[in-house]
């Protein structure tokens, strides 16, 4: 399991109820599920490391280059290689900027935003 600490330019803002546009991560279309408070999507041709950064940038409403480079915390080539192995049941979990990110060998992303207080 990798634990990442990254900073980005904008704090996360939850999507507007029922009107959230589809967000693009590489060649997949992660969508927000308000019941689970999770973004879910797939990626086909994009590498896992690029898909993670692009999905987070879409969720955080910023450019992927505004997020700290993944290589400062984890080896993106290793992440790509592990995910590309296609091992059944493989899930790599990361924590980036408070977001929990799960990447599976079947090229699926699940991103859970940081918990928000109701103060």
Protein backbone atom coordinates (compact mmCIF):
# COMPACT_ATOMS: atom_id res chain seq x y z
CA UNK A 1 0.00 0.00 0.00
CA UNK A 2 1.28 3.46 -0.91
CA UNK A 3 0.46 6.48 1.21
CA UNK A 4 0.85 9.76 -0.62
CA UNK A 5 0.79 13.29 0.63
CA UNK A 6 0.27 15.85 -2.08
CA UNK A 7 -0.94 19.39 -2.19
CA UNK A 8 -3.00 21.07 -4.85
CA UNK A 9 -3.97 24.64 -5.60
CA UNK A 10 -7.69 24.42 -4.80
CA UNK A 11 -9.51 22.80 -1.92
CA UNK A 12 -11.94 20.14 -3.00
CA UNK A 13 -15.49 21.33 -3.58
CA UNK A 14 -18.29 18.77 -3.67
CA UNK A 15 -20.29 18.73 -6.90
CA UNK A 16 -23.65 20.42 -7.08
CA UNK A 17 -26.38 17.90 -6.45
CA UNK A 18 -27.76 16.31 -9.61
CA UNK A 19 -25.95 18.79 -11.89
CA UNK A 20 -22.36 17.61 -11.73
CA UNK A 21 -20.91 17.32 -15.26
CA UNK A 22 -19.05 14.15 -16.14
CA UNK A 23 -15.38 14.48 -15.33
CA UNK A 24 -12.69 13.08 -17.57
CA UNK A 25 -9.69 11.07 -16.38
CA UNK A 26 -7.61 10.06 -19.32
CA UNK A 27 -9.94 8.14 -21.57
CA UNK A 28 -12.55 7.22 -18.94
CA UNK A 29 -15.39 9.24 -17.55
CA UNK A 30 -15.42 9.18 -13.73
CA UNK A 31 -18.79 10.17 -12.39
CA UNK A 32 -19.84 11.19 -8.92
CA UNK A 33 -22.13 8.91 -6.93
CA UNK A 34 -23.74 11.00 -4.17
CA UNK A 35 -24.95 7.87 -2.36
CA UNK A 36 -21.39 6.65 -1.79
CA UNK A 37 -19.65 10.06 -2.01
CA UNK A 38 -17.24 8.47 -4.49
CA UNK A 39 -16.05 9.17 -8.02
CA UNK A 40 -15.85 6.04 -10.17
CA UNK A 41 -14.41 5.57 -13.63
CA UNK A 42 -12.27 3.45 -15.88
CA UNK A 43 -9.24 4.05 -18.05
CA UNK A 44 -8.28 2.03 -21.11
CA UNK A 45 -5.23 3.44 -22.86
CA UNK A 46 -3.97 5.95 -20.29
CA UNK A 47 -1.44 4.70 -17.74
CA UNK A 48 -2.62 4.33 -14.15
CA UNK A 49 -0.40 7.15 -12.91
CA UNK A 50 -1.68 9.60 -15.54
CA UNK A 51 -5.30 8.52 -14.98
CA UNK A 52 -5.00 9.17 -11.23
CA UNK A 53 -3.55 12.66 -11.73
CA UNK A 54 -6.09 13.60 -14.40
CA UNK A 55 -9.02 12.34 -12.33
CA UNK A 56 -7.87 14.27 -9.25
CA UNK A 57 -7.34 17.40 -11.33
CA UNK A 58 -10.87 17.10 -12.72
CA UNK A 59 -12.34 16.58 -9.27
CA UNK A 60 -10.33 19.47 -7.79
CA UNK A 61 -11.14 21.74 -10.75
CA UNK A 62 -7.52 22.38 -11.67
CA UNK A 63 -4.98 21.43 -14.34
CA UNK A 64 -3.05 18.16 -13.76
CA UNK A 65 0.18 20.18 -13.79
CA UNK A 66 -1.12 22.09 -10.74
CA UNK A 67 -0.96 18.90 -8.66
CA UNK A 68 2.41 17.94 -7.20
CA UNK A 69 4.11 15.37 -9.43
CA UNK A 70 3.30 11.82 -8.43
CA UNK A 71 6.99 10.86 -8.60
CA UNK A 72 7.71 13.03 -5.55
CA UNK A 73 5.91 10.46 -3.42
CA UNK A 74 5.64 7.19 -5.32
CA UNK A 75 7.31 5.69 -8.37
CA UNK A 76 4.71 6.16 -11.15
CA UNK A 77 6.43 3.49 -13.28
CA UNK A 78 5.98 0.98 -10.45
CA UNK A 79 2.31 1.93 -10.10
CA UNK A 80 1.82 1.56 -13.85
CA UNK A 81 3.63 -1.78 -13.90
CA UNK A 82 1.69 -3.24 -10.98
CA UNK A 83 -1.66 -2.19 -12.44
CA UNK A 84 -0.67 -3.35 -15.94
CA UNK A 85 0.17 -6.81 -14.56
CA UNK A 86 -3.56 -7.50 -14.63
CA UNK A 87 -3.38 -9.70 -11.55
CA UNK A 88 -6.94 -10.73 -10.63
CA UNK A 89 -8.20 -8.98 -7.54
CA UNK A 90 -5.30 -6.50 -7.40
CA UNK A 91 -6.13 -3.12 -5.87
CA UNK A 92 -3.56 -0.42 -5.18
CA UNK A 93 -4.74 2.15 -2.66
CA UNK A 94 -3.29 5.63 -2.30
CA UNK A 95 -4.03 8.63 -0.15
CA UNK A 96 -3.49 11.88 -2.04
CA UNK A 97 -4.43 15.28 -0.61
CA UNK A 98 -6.92 13.61 1.69
CA UNK A 99 -8.55 11.72 -1.19
CA UNK A 100 -8.57 7.93 -0.97
CA UNK A 101 -7.76 6.51 -4.40
CA UNK A 102 -8.16 2.85 -5.36
CA UNK A 103 -6.76 1.65 -8.69
CA UNK A 104 -7.52 -1.90 -9.78
CA UNK A 105 -5.86 -4.21 -12.28
CA UNK A 106 -9.05 -4.15 -14.34
CA UNK A 107 -8.30 -0.41 -14.86
CA UNK A 108 -10.94 1.03 -12.57
CA UNK A 109 -10.56 4.13 -10.39
CA UNK A 110 -12.51 4.83 -7.22
CA UNK A 111 -11.80 8.17 -5.57
CA UNK A 112 -13.32 9.14 -2.23
CA UNK A 113 -13.05 12.83 -1.29
CA UNK A 114 -11.78 13.94 2.10
CA UNK A 115 -14.31 13.90 4.91
CA UNK A 116 -16.04 17.19 5.39
CA UNK A 117 -17.13 18.45 8.78
CA UNK A 118 -20.65 19.75 9.17
CA UNK A 119 -19.66 22.62 11.49
